[in-house]
Amino acid sequence: MNKKQHNCINLPEALKDSEESKICIANEEGNWYLAIFSFADKEMVEDGEAEEVGEEVGSYEIKIDFCPFCGKSLKGLVSQAS
């Protein structure tokens, strides 16, 4: 299945992908979602909260109709940076 993505140029610098997190605005089966993924760092492994660095330790998906960063309607949007 091909997922459409909205790569918003207004995404705050502090929220851009890093080793500890990833944010994605994607369309799956006609619905748009804001997805946030969190990954374990060295400290979490040392504290026993995760088994290895980079392990996914949390994820959240919120159904959206508009980009929360630029306000653009996502209905009918083709995958592109905007």
Protein backbone atom coordinates (compact mmCIF):
# COMPACT_ATOMS: atom_id res chain seq x y z
CA MET A 1 0.00 0.00 0.00
CA ASN A 2 1.33 3.44 -0.92
CA LYS A 3 1.05 5.95 1.87
CA LYS A 4 0.65 9.61 1.04
CA GLN A 5 2.65 11.98 3.22
CA HIS A 6 2.50 15.70 3.89
CA ASN A 7 6.00 17.02 4.57
CA CYS A 8 5.17 20.36 6.13
CA ILE A 9 7.81 23.06 5.78
CA ASN A 10 6.37 24.71 8.92
CA LEU A 11 7.26 21.78 11.19
CA PRO A 12 9.14 23.33 14.14
CA GLU A 13 12.85 22.55 14.23
CA ALA A 14 12.48 21.02 17.71
CA LEU A 15 10.03 18.43 16.33
CA LYS A 16 12.03 17.29 13.32
CA ASP A 17 13.20 13.67 13.22
CA SER A 18 15.99 12.74 15.60
CA GLU A 19 17.39 9.57 17.13
CA GLU A 20 14.78 9.85 19.90
CA SER A 21 11.64 10.69 17.90
CA LYS A 22 9.95 10.82 14.52
CA ILE A 23 6.84 12.75 13.46
CA CYS A 24 4.88 11.81 10.38
CA ILE A 25 1.71 13.14 8.74
CA ALA A 26 0.44 10.31 6.55
CA ASN A 27 -2.68 9.11 4.77
CA GLU A 28 -3.74 5.53 5.27
CA GLU A 29 -6.91 4.17 3.67
CA GLY A 30 -8.31 7.65 3.05
CA ASN A 31 -7.70 9.03 6.56
CA TRP A 32 -4.94 11.44 7.58
CA TYR A 33 -3.01 10.89 10.81
CA LEU A 34 -0.40 12.72 12.82
CA ALA A 35 1.88 9.97 14.08
CA ILE A 36 4.56 10.44 16.72
CA PHE A 37 7.11 7.72 17.48
CA SER A 38 9.54 7.69 20.43
CA PHE A 39 12.74 5.65 20.53
CA ALA A 40 14.95 4.58 23.43
CA ASP A 41 18.19 6.39 24.10
CA LYS A 42 21.23 5.17 26.02
CA GLU A 43 19.88 6.47 29.35
CA MET A 44 16.60 4.54 28.95
CA VAL A 45 18.55 1.32 28.33
CA GLU A 46 20.76 1.94 31.37
CA ASP A 47 17.65 2.56 33.50
CA GLY A 48 16.07 -0.70 32.28
CA GLU A 49 13.23 1.06 30.45
CA ALA A 50 14.29 -0.47 27.11
CA GLU A 51 16.45 -3.32 25.89
CA GLU A 52 18.39 -1.48 23.19
CA VAL A 53 19.06 2.02 21.88
CA GLY A 54 16.66 2.86 19.03
CA GLU A 55 13.94 0.49 20.23
CA GLU A 56 10.45 1.97 19.76
CA VAL A 57 9.13 2.78 23.23
CA GLY A 58 5.97 4.66 22.34
CA SER A 59 3.76 5.72 19.49
CA TYR A 60 0.69 7.87 19.14
CA GLU A 61 -1.66 8.43 16.21
CA ILE A 62 -4.21 11.21 16.00
CA LYS A 63 -6.69 11.43 13.12
CA ILE A 64 -6.53 14.90 11.54
CA ASP A 65 -8.14 16.78 8.65
CA PHE A 66 -5.77 19.77 8.66
CA CYS A 67 -2.02 20.02 9.18
CA PRO A 68 -1.49 21.29 12.75
CA PHE A 69 1.60 23.22 11.64
CA CYS A 70 0.44 25.08 8.51
CA GLY A 71 -3.36 24.71 8.66
CA LYS A 72 -3.60 23.23 5.18
CA SER A 73 -6.59 20.98 4.49
CA LEU A 74 -5.33 17.44 3.83
CA LYS A 75 -8.46 16.22 2.04
CA GLY A 76 -7.51 15.32 -1.53
CA LEU A 77 -3.86 16.30 -0.99
CA VAL A 78 -1.32 14.47 -3.11
CA SER A 79 1.90 13.43 -1.39
CA GLN A 80 4.21 16.44 -1.48
CA ALA A 81 6.04 19.01 0.55
CA SER A 82 3.89 22.09 1.14
